[in-house]
Amino acid sequence: MKILPEFNKDGDLPAGVYQANLSEVKARFGANTLQRRLLARRLEKIWNLVSATGEVYRFIIFGSFVTAKDEPTDIDIFLLMENSFDASKLANETAMVFDHTAAQNYEGASVFWMRCLAVLDGEDAAVGYWQTKRDGTKRGIVEVVGYD
């Protein structure tokens, strides 16, 4: 497991995929401001909902939540799901997480997901894609690998 490094001069994690458990993520990124504490609670709720499916292969957090920004507006998540995952069988809040618009409106999270079999260039390429910012530069992202 890579230790979560310090932010670079731009306020991002250095390029790379850093693994941490949810408790570490909440302690590092979800404690400094009221907004960050609210987002950390949303993140934990989403983690619990998707983990309960038993079908999560990789859980990636990217975007402003894993930066030095004081007031990130939401949480950006990429989920790589097992091939057997069937979102049409979900109900209630769990179903909302897998509906991008509903997740944004009700959970304050941008959730993107795909099954492993849909990955064309390999899972590392699919995960690595989320390191690229809008300006084309790379940033670090965080993979949640458990709760504690």
Foldseek 3Di string as FASTA:
>chain_A
DDDFDAADPVQFGAFDEAEDALVVLCVVQQDDDPQSVLQSVLVVVLCVLVVVVVWFPWKKWDDDSRGRDPHDQATEIETATAPPDDLVPDDDPSNLLDVQVSCCVPSVYRYHYDYQVVDDPHPVVVRSVRQQDPVGDGGYMYIHDHHD
